[in-house]
């Protein structure tokens, strides 16, 4: 019996030494990794298919869209007539391109007057596990559609 206990304890000691060596060898290698800047980390996370939402980034993306809207309006009188006809239509065609971020999609929906509150729409998508289900493509959405109907349309739940 004494021989068995000694063999067992020697095995445990050997396993502990091997695990300690592996831990310290791997720990030294982790110090060699480079730390990413905030922008690099955000880019890497977005490339992995996630979206990053923060108020500063939202503010930055809203400013250029406001600037691009202003020059478009007073350009051509024929375009003014076309935009005057748009509110009379019952639906709007939106195009969601592959690789668009959630903020870009929310801005697109708001520009087409399909959303009043971006944050409420985003919360609805997350609560119903739809934020990862938005499909790329061309969608026909009614101007009187509720946010839930818009979400169902852009996620492919229903077609309008």
Protein backbone atom coordinates (compact mmCIF):
# COMPACT_ATOMS: atom_id res chain seq x y z
CA UNK A 1 0.00 0.00 0.00
CA UNK A 2 2.87 2.34 0.82
CA UNK A 3 4.30 1.87 -2.67
CA UNK A 4 0.96 2.82 -4.34
CA UNK A 5 0.58 6.04 -2.30
CA UNK A 6 4.15 7.10 -3.11
CA UNK A 7 3.60 6.46 -6.85
CA UNK A 8 0.34 8.40 -6.78
CA UNK A 9 1.94 11.39 -5.01
CA UNK A 10 4.91 11.32 -7.41
CA UNK A 11 2.45 11.44 -10.34
CA UNK A 12 0.63 14.42 -8.83
CA UNK A 13 3.92 16.23 -8.23
CA UNK A 14 5.04 15.58 -11.82
CA UNK A 15 1.71 16.85 -13.22
CA UNK A 16 1.91 19.99 -11.06
CA UNK A 17 5.45 20.72 -12.27
CA UNK A 18 4.44 20.27 -15.92
CA UNK A 19 1.41 22.55 -15.51
CA UNK A 20 3.56 25.20 -13.78
CA UNK A 21 6.09 25.12 -16.62
CA UNK A 22 3.40 25.47 -19.26
CA UNK A 23 1.78 28.33 -17.35
CA UNK A 24 5.03 30.29 -17.01
CA UNK A 25 6.08 29.68 -20.61
CA UNK A 26 2.71 30.88 -21.92
CA UNK A 27 2.67 33.80 -19.50
CA UNK A 28 5.97 35.09 -20.92
CA UNK A 29 4.60 34.89 -24.47
CA UNK A 30 1.52 36.93 -23.58
CA UNK A 31 3.75 39.87 -22.61
CA UNK A 32 5.04 39.98 -26.18
CA UNK A 33 1.59 40.69 -27.64
CA UNK A 34 0.97 44.24 -28.76
CA UNK A 35 -1.72 46.37 -27.26
CA UNK A 36 -4.21 47.82 -29.72
CA UNK A 37 -5.28 51.43 -29.75
CA UNK A 38 -8.98 52.13 -29.27
CA UNK A 39 -9.56 52.68 -32.99
CA UNK A 40 -7.71 49.47 -33.92
CA UNK A 41 -9.71 47.51 -31.35
CA UNK A 42 -12.99 48.92 -32.65
CA UNK A 43 -12.00 48.10 -36.23
CA UNK A 44 -11.06 44.53 -35.27
CA UNK A 45 -14.33 43.99 -33.39
CA UNK A 46 -16.38 45.38 -36.31
CA UNK A 47 -14.48 43.11 -38.73
CA UNK A 48 -15.49 40.15 -36.55
CA UNK A 49 -19.14 41.05 -37.19
CA UNK A 50 -19.97 42.97 -34.03
CA UNK A 51 -21.06 46.59 -33.82
CA UNK A 52 -19.67 49.18 -31.45
CA UNK A 53 -22.04 51.79 -30.12
CA UNK A 54 -20.97 54.82 -28.20
CA UNK A 55 -22.31 58.34 -28.03
CA UNK A 56 -19.18 60.04 -29.37
CA UNK A 57 -19.13 57.92 -32.50
CA UNK A 58 -22.85 58.51 -33.06
CA UNK A 59 -22.33 62.25 -32.82
CA UNK A 60 -19.48 62.12 -35.34
CA UNK A 61 -21.54 60.14 -37.84
CA UNK A 62 -24.57 62.40 -37.49
CA UNK A 63 -22.64 65.57 -38.35
CA UNK A 64 -21.54 64.57 -41.89
CA UNK A 65 -25.04 63.37 -42.79
CA UNK A 66 -26.47 66.75 -41.72
CA UNK A 67 -23.85 68.50 -43.86
CA UNK A 68 -24.57 66.34 -46.90
CA UNK A 69 -28.31 66.91 -46.64
CA UNK A 70 -28.04 70.70 -46.75
CA UNK A 71 -26.27 71.00 -50.13
CA UNK A 72 -28.58 68.43 -51.77
CA UNK A 73 -31.78 70.37 -51.16
CA UNK A 74 -31.24 73.67 -53.03
CA UNK A 75 -29.47 72.24 -56.12
CA UNK A 76 -31.95 71.58 -58.88
CA UNK A 77 -35.53 72.86 -59.15
CA UNK A 78 -36.58 69.58 -60.82
CA UNK A 79 -35.34 67.70 -57.75
CA UNK A 80 -37.47 69.93 -55.53
CA UNK A 81 -40.53 68.82 -57.47
CA UNK A 82 -39.55 65.17 -57.01
CA UNK A 83 -39.06 65.59 -53.27
CA UNK A 84 -42.40 67.34 -53.05
CA UNK A 85 -44.00 64.24 -54.60
CA UNK A 86 -42.29 61.78 -52.21
CA UNK A 87 -44.45 62.48 -49.14
CA UNK A 88 -47.51 61.60 -51.22
CA UNK A 89 -46.25 58.05 -51.86
CA UNK A 90 -47.25 55.36 -49.42
CA UNK A 91 -43.92 53.55 -49.38
CA UNK A 92 -40.19 54.18 -49.51
CA UNK A 93 -37.52 51.98 -51.03
CA UNK A 94 -34.43 51.65 -48.89
CA UNK A 95 -31.23 49.86 -49.84
CA UNK A 96 -29.17 48.22 -47.12
CA UNK A 97 -25.77 47.30 -48.48
CA UNK A 98 -23.61 44.48 -47.19
CA UNK A 99 -21.15 45.66 -44.56
CA UNK A 100 -23.25 48.60 -43.39
CA UNK A 101 -23.01 49.15 -39.65
CA UNK A 102 -26.05 49.42 -37.42
CA UNK A 103 -25.55 53.17 -37.03
CA UNK A 104 -25.52 53.60 -40.82
CA UNK A 105 -28.74 51.60 -41.09
CA UNK A 106 -30.39 53.62 -38.32
CA UNK A 107 -29.34 56.86 -40.06
CA UNK A 108 -30.74 55.55 -43.36
CA UNK A 109 -34.09 54.71 -41.76
CA UNK A 110 -34.23 58.09 -40.03
CA UNK A 111 -33.35 59.96 -43.25
CA UNK A 112 -36.29 58.24 -44.95
CA UNK A 113 -38.50 59.27 -42.01
CA UNK A 114 -39.19 55.67 -41.02
CA UNK A 115 -37.88 56.18 -37.47
CA UNK A 116 -38.49 58.86 -34.88
CA UNK A 117 -36.22 57.47 -32.16
CA UNK A 118 -33.10 55.53 -33.14
CA UNK A 119 -32.34 54.37 -29.60
CA UNK A 120 -35.85 52.98 -29.09
CA UNK A 121 -35.57 51.08 -32.38
CA UNK A 122 -32.15 49.71 -31.42
CA UNK A 123 -33.50 48.65 -28.01
CA UNK A 124 -36.42 46.88 -29.75
CA UNK A 125 -34.00 45.00 -32.03
CA UNK A 126 -31.83 43.90 -29.10
CA UNK A 127 -34.77 42.86 -26.90
CA UNK A 128 -36.15 40.65 -29.67
CA UNK A 129 -32.74 39.29 -30.74
CA UNK A 130 -33.10 40.89 -34.18
CA UNK A 131 -30.03 43.15 -34.16
CA UNK A 132 -27.91 40.43 -35.83
CA UNK A 133 -30.65 39.48 -38.32
CA UNK A 134 -30.73 42.61 -40.49
CA UNK A 135 -30.52 41.57 -44.14
CA UNK A 136 -28.73 43.34 -46.97
CA UNK A 137 -30.93 44.21 -49.92
CA UNK A 138 -33.62 46.50 -51.26
CA UNK A 139 -36.75 46.86 -49.15
CA UNK A 140 -40.08 48.54 -49.80
CA UNK A 141 -41.33 50.00 -46.50
CA UNK A 142 -44.60 51.81 -45.91
CA UNK A 143 -44.20 55.36 -44.62
CA UNK A 144 -46.88 54.62 -42.05
CA UNK A 145 -45.14 51.45 -40.80
CA UNK A 146 -44.55 51.09 -37.09
CA UNK A 147 -40.98 50.53 -35.88
CA UNK A 148 -41.87 46.87 -35.31
CA UNK A 149 -43.01 46.50 -38.93
CA UNK A 150 -39.83 48.21 -40.15
CA UNK A 151 -37.77 45.80 -38.03
CA UNK A 152 -39.67 42.81 -39.42
CA UNK A 153 -39.11 44.05 -42.97
CA UNK A 154 -35.36 44.70 -42.73
CA UNK A 155 -34.73 41.45 -40.87
CA UNK A 156 -36.60 39.39 -43.46
CA UNK A 157 -39.36 38.39 -41.04
CA UNK A 158 -42.05 39.68 -43.44
CA UNK A 159 -42.09 41.28 -46.85
CA UNK A 160 -44.10 44.38 -47.60
